[in-house]
């Protein structure tokens, strides 16, 4: 997993958009993990 860290200087609207993107990404990641853990025979190609 890649992690990028940086200091940002932006407006409240920009920070809100970043937070929404982070929440969306975490939701998709958690959904894929739940599918992989709960379903048998799910390969990495099924998660793409």
PDB file of N, CA and C in Angstrom:
ATOM      1  N   UNK A   1       0.852  -1.162   0.000  1.00  0.00           N
ATOM      2  CA  UNK A   1       0.000   0.000   0.000  1.00  0.00           C
ATOM      3  C   UNK A   1       0.900   1.227   0.000  1.00  0.00           C
ATOM      4  N   UNK A   2       0.581   2.160  -0.869  1.00  0.00           N
ATOM      5  CA  UNK A   2       1.338   3.397  -0.943  1.00  0.00           C
ATOM      6  C   UNK A   2       0.679   4.461  -0.082  1.00  0.00           C
ATOM      7  N   UNK A   3       1.493   5.198   0.644  1.00  0.00           N
ATOM      8  CA  UNK A   3       0.989   6.286   1.469  1.00  0.00           C
ATOM      9  C   UNK A   3       1.801   7.529   1.133  1.00  0.00           C
ATOM     10  N   UNK A   4       1.096   8.572   0.761  1.00  0.00           N
ATOM     11  CA  UNK A   4       1.733   9.841   0.470  1.00  0.00           C
ATOM     12  C   UNK A   4       1.342  10.844   1.550  1.00  0.00           C
ATOM     13  N   UNK A   5       2.319  11.580   2.052  1.00  0.00           N
ATOM     14  CA  UNK A   5       2.049  12.602   3.049  1.00  0.00           C
ATOM     15  C   UNK A   5       2.588  13.928   2.541  1.00  0.00           C
ATOM     16  N   UNK A   6       1.816  14.967   2.793  1.00  0.00           N
ATOM     17  CA  UNK A   6       2.223  16.295   2.375  1.00  0.00           C
ATOM     18  C   UNK A   6       1.436  17.316   3.180  1.00  0.00           C
ATOM     19  N   UNK A   7       1.931  18.529   3.272  1.00  0.00           N
ATOM     20  CA  UNK A   7       1.196  19.607   3.930  1.00  0.00           C
ATOM     21  C   UNK A   7       0.461  20.383   2.847  1.00  0.00           C
ATOM     22  N   UNK A   8      -0.806  20.663   3.110  1.00  0.00           N
ATOM     23  CA  UNK A   8      -1.633  21.340   2.124  1.00  0.00           C
ATOM     24  C   UNK A   8      -2.073  22.699   2.632  1.00  0.00           C
ATOM     25  N   UNK A   9      -2.225  23.612   1.706  1.00  0.00           N
ATOM     26  CA  UNK A   9      -2.770  24.925   2.009  1.00  0.00           C
ATOM     27  C   UNK A   9      -3.898  25.160   1.018  1.00  0.00           C
ATOM     28  N   UNK A  10      -5.129  25.067   1.503  1.00  0.00           N
ATOM     29  CA  UNK A  10      -6.262  25.207   0.597  1.00  0.00           C
ATOM     30  C   UNK A  10      -7.465  25.789   1.298  1.00  0.00           C
ATOM     31  N   UNK A  11      -8.531  25.915   0.535  1.00  0.00           N
ATOM     32  CA  UNK A  11      -9.771  26.465   1.083  1.00  0.00           C
ATOM     33  C   UNK A  11     -10.581  25.362   1.754  1.00  0.00           C
ATOM     34  N   UNK A  12     -11.626  25.776   2.471  1.00  0.00           N
ATOM     35  CA  UNK A  12     -12.483  24.796   3.142  1.00  0.00           C
ATOM     36  C   UNK A  12     -13.173  23.892   2.131  1.00  0.00           C
ATOM     37  N   UNK A  13     -13.536  24.431   0.983  1.00  0.00           N
ATOM     38  CA  UNK A  13     -14.186  23.625  -0.056  1.00  0.00           C
ATOM     39  C   UNK A  13     -13.227  22.559  -0.591  1.00  0.00           C
ATOM     40  N   UNK A  14     -11.965  22.926  -0.755  1.00  0.00           N
ATOM     41  CA  UNK A  14     -10.979  21.963  -1.238  1.00  0.00           C
ATOM     42  C   UNK A  14     -10.751  20.861  -0.211  1.00  0.00           C
ATOM     43  N   UNK A  15     -10.660  21.236   1.065  1.00  0.00           N
ATOM     44  CA  UNK A  15     -10.476  20.227   2.105  1.00  0.00           C
ATOM     45  C   UNK A  15     -11.697  19.317   2.209  1.00  0.00           C
ATOM     46  N   UNK A  16     -12.894  19.864   2.015  1.00  0.00           N
ATOM     47  CA  UNK A  16     -14.110  19.049   2.042  1.00  0.00           C
ATOM     48  C   UNK A  16     -14.106  18.048   0.890  1.00  0.00           C
ATOM     49  N   UNK A  17     -13.650  18.474  -0.292  1.00  0.00           N
ATOM     50  CA  UNK A  17     -13.575  17.570  -1.441  1.00  0.00           C
ATOM     51  C   UNK A  17     -12.560  16.463  -1.195  1.00  0.00           C
ATOM     52  N   UNK A  18     -11.437  16.799  -0.575  1.00  0.00           N
ATOM     53  CA  UNK A  18     -10.421  15.792  -0.263  1.00  0.00           C
ATOM     54  C   UNK A  18     -10.965  14.785   0.738  1.00  0.00           C
ATOM     55  N   UNK A  19     -11.649  15.268   1.779  1.00  0.00           N
ATOM     56  CA  UNK A  19     -12.232  14.369   2.781  1.00  0.00           C
ATOM     57  C   UNK A  19     -13.261  13.438   2.152  1.00  0.00           C
ATOM     58  N   UNK A  20     -14.080  13.957   1.249  1.00  0.00           N
ATOM     59  CA  UNK A  20     -15.073  13.121   0.577  1.00  0.00           C
ATOM     60  C   UNK A  20     -14.398  12.056  -0.281  1.00  0.00           C
ATOM     61  N   UNK A  21     -13.320  12.424  -0.973  1.00  0.00           N
ATOM     62  CA  UNK A  21     -12.589  11.455  -1.789  1.00  0.00           C
ATOM     63  C   UNK A  21     -11.972  10.368  -0.914  1.00  0.00           C
ATOM     64  N   UNK A  22     -11.442  10.743   0.233  1.00  0.00           N
ATOM     65  CA  UNK A  22     -10.850   9.765   1.148  1.00  0.00           C
ATOM     66  C   UNK A  22     -11.920   8.809   1.662  1.00  0.00           C
ATOM     67  N   UNK A  23     -13.083   9.349   2.070  1.00  0.00           N
ATOM     68  CA  UNK A  23     -14.167   8.493   2.563  1.00  0.00           C
ATOM     69  C   UNK A  23     -14.662   7.544   1.478  1.00  0.00           C
ATOM     70  N   UNK A  24     -14.767   8.028   0.242  1.00  0.00           N
ATOM     71  CA  UNK A  24     -15.211   7.180  -0.863  1.00  0.00           C
ATOM     72  C   UNK A  24     -14.216   6.057  -1.116  1.00  0.00           C
ATOM     73  N   UNK A  25     -12.931   6.391  -1.112  1.00  0.00           N
ATOM     74  CA  UNK A  25     -11.891   5.386  -1.333  1.00  0.00           C
ATOM     75  C   UNK A  25     -11.901   4.336  -0.234  1.00  0.00           C
ATOM     76  N   UNK A  26     -12.048   4.752   1.014  1.00  0.00           N
ATOM     77  CA  UNK A  26     -12.091   3.800   2.122  1.00  0.00           C
ATOM     78  C   UNK A  26     -13.322   2.904   2.031  1.00  0.00           C
ATOM     79  N   UNK A  27     -14.457   3.461   1.598  1.00  0.00           N
ATOM     80  CA  UNK A  27     -15.668   2.660   1.439  1.00  0.00           C
ATOM     81  C   UNK A  27     -15.468   1.582   0.380  1.00  0.00           C
ATOM     82  N   UNK A  28     -14.893   1.953  -0.759  1.00  0.00           N
ATOM     83  CA  UNK A  28     -14.660   0.985  -1.833  1.00  0.00           C
ATOM     84  C   UNK A  28     -13.682  -0.087  -1.368  1.00  0.00           C
ATOM     85  N   UNK A  29     -12.608   0.324  -0.691  1.00  0.00           N
ATOM     86  CA  UNK A  29     -11.625  -0.641  -0.189  1.00  0.00           C
ATOM     87  C   UNK A  29     -12.261  -1.614   0.793  1.00  0.00           C
ATOM     88  N   UNK A  30     -13.051  -1.095   1.734  1.00  0.00           N
ATOM     89  CA  UNK A  30     -13.680  -1.951   2.731  1.00  0.00           C
ATOM     90  C   UNK A  30     -14.710  -2.882   2.102  1.00  0.00           C
ATOM     91  N   UNK A  31     -15.426  -2.408   1.086  1.00  0.00           N
ATOM     92  CA  UNK A  31     -16.395  -3.251   0.387  1.00  0.00           C
ATOM     93  C   UNK A  31     -15.689  -4.404  -0.319  1.00  0.00           C
ATOM     94  N   UNK A  32     -14.571  -4.116  -0.963  1.00  0.00           N
ATOM     95  CA  UNK A  32     -13.808  -5.172  -1.639  1.00  0.00           C
ATOM     96  C   UNK A  32     -13.256  -6.174  -0.631  1.00  0.00           C
ATOM     97  N   UNK A  33     -12.740  -5.684   0.482  1.00  0.00           N
ATOM     98  CA  UNK A  33     -12.221  -6.590   1.506  1.00  0.00           C
ATOM     99  C   UNK A  33     -13.317  -7.476   2.080  1.00  0.00           C
ATOM    100  N   UNK A  34     -14.493  -6.890   2.326  1.00  0.00           N
ATOM    101  CA  UNK A  34     -15.603  -7.674   2.865  1.00  0.00           C
ATOM    102  C   UNK A  34     -16.028  -8.759   1.873  1.00  0.00           C
ATOM    103  N   UNK A  35     -16.104  -8.415   0.589  1.00  0.00           N
ATOM    104  CA  UNK A  35     -16.449  -9.401  -0.435  1.00  0.00           C
ATOM    105  C   UNK A  35     -15.411 -10.510  -0.469  1.00  0.00           C
ATOM    106  N   UNK A  36     -14.132 -10.146  -0.416  1.00  0.00           N
ATOM    107  CA  UNK A  36     -13.063 -11.128  -0.491  1.00  0.00           C
ATOM    108  C   UNK A  36     -13.075 -12.045   0.724  1.00  0.00           C
ATOM    109  N   UNK A  37     -13.346 -11.489   1.912  1.00  0.00           N
ATOM    110  CA  UNK A  37     -13.320 -12.296   3.126  1.00  0.00           C
ATOM    111  C   UNK A  37     -14.559 -13.179   3.260  1.00  0.00           C
ATOM    112  N   UNK A  38     -15.715 -12.693   2.826  1.00  0.00           N
ATOM    113  CA  UNK A  38     -16.966 -13.420   3.033  1.00  0.00           C
ATOM    114  C   UNK A  38     -17.264 -14.445   1.944  1.00  0.00           C
ATOM    115  N   UNK A  39     -16.822 -14.204   0.730  1.00  0.00           N
ATOM    116  CA  UNK A  39     -17.158 -15.092  -0.385  1.00  0.00           C
ATOM    117  C   UNK A  39     -15.994 -16.037  -0.661  1.00  0.00           C
ATOM    118  N   UNK A  40     -16.325 -17.274  -0.878  1.00  0.00           N
ATOM    119  CA  UNK A  40     -15.284 -18.246  -1.213  1.00  0.00           C
ATOM    120  C   UNK A  40     -15.064 -18.233  -2.715  1.00  0.00           C
ATOM    121  N   UNK A  41     -13.835 -18.404  -3.117  1.00  0.00           N
ATOM    122  CA  UNK A  41     -13.509 -18.487  -4.529  1.00  0.00           C
ATOM    123  C   UNK A  41     -13.427 -17.142  -5.228  1.00  0.00           C
ATOM    124  N   UNK A  42     -13.307 -16.063  -4.480  1.00  0.00           N
ATOM    125  CA  UNK A  42     -13.172 -14.742  -5.085  1.00  0.00           C
ATOM    126  C   UNK A  42     -11.685 -14.477  -5.284  1.00  0.00           C
ATOM    127  N   UNK A  43     -11.306 -14.225  -6.524  1.00  0.00           N
ATOM    128  CA  UNK A  43      -9.898 -13.963  -6.814  1.00  0.00           C
ATOM    129  C   UNK A  43      -9.665 -12.459  -6.909  1.00  0.00           C
ATOM    130  N   UNK A  44      -8.410 -12.091  -7.045  1.00  0.00           N
ATOM    131  CA  UNK A  44      -8.101 -10.663  -7.135  1.00  0.00           C
ATOM    132  C   UNK A  44      -8.673 -10.043  -8.404  1.00  0.00           C
ATOM    133  N   UNK A  45      -8.861 -10.849  -9.459  1.00  0.00           N
ATOM    134  CA  UNK A  45      -9.454 -10.309 -10.679  1.00  0.00           C
ATOM    135  C   UNK A  45     -10.928  -9.976 -10.490  1.00  0.00           C
ATOM    136  N   UNK A  46     -11.611 -10.667  -9.580  1.00  0.00           N
ATOM    137  CA  UNK A  46     -13.018 -10.372  -9.312  1.00  0.00           C
ATOM    138  C   UNK A  46     -13.183  -9.045  -8.585  1.00  0.00           C
ATOM    139  N   UNK A  47     -12.152  -8.579  -7.924  1.00  0.00           N
ATOM    140  CA  UNK A  47     -12.233  -7.351  -7.143  1.00  0.00           C
ATOM    141  C   UNK A  47     -11.913  -6.111  -7.959  1.00  0.00           C
ATOM    142  N   UNK A  48     -11.493  -6.285  -9.199  1.00  0.00           N
ATOM    143  CA  UNK A  48     -11.129  -5.127 -10.024  1.00  0.00           C
ATOM    144  C   UNK A  48     -12.338  -4.515 -10.659  1.00  0.00           C
TER     145      UNK A  48
END
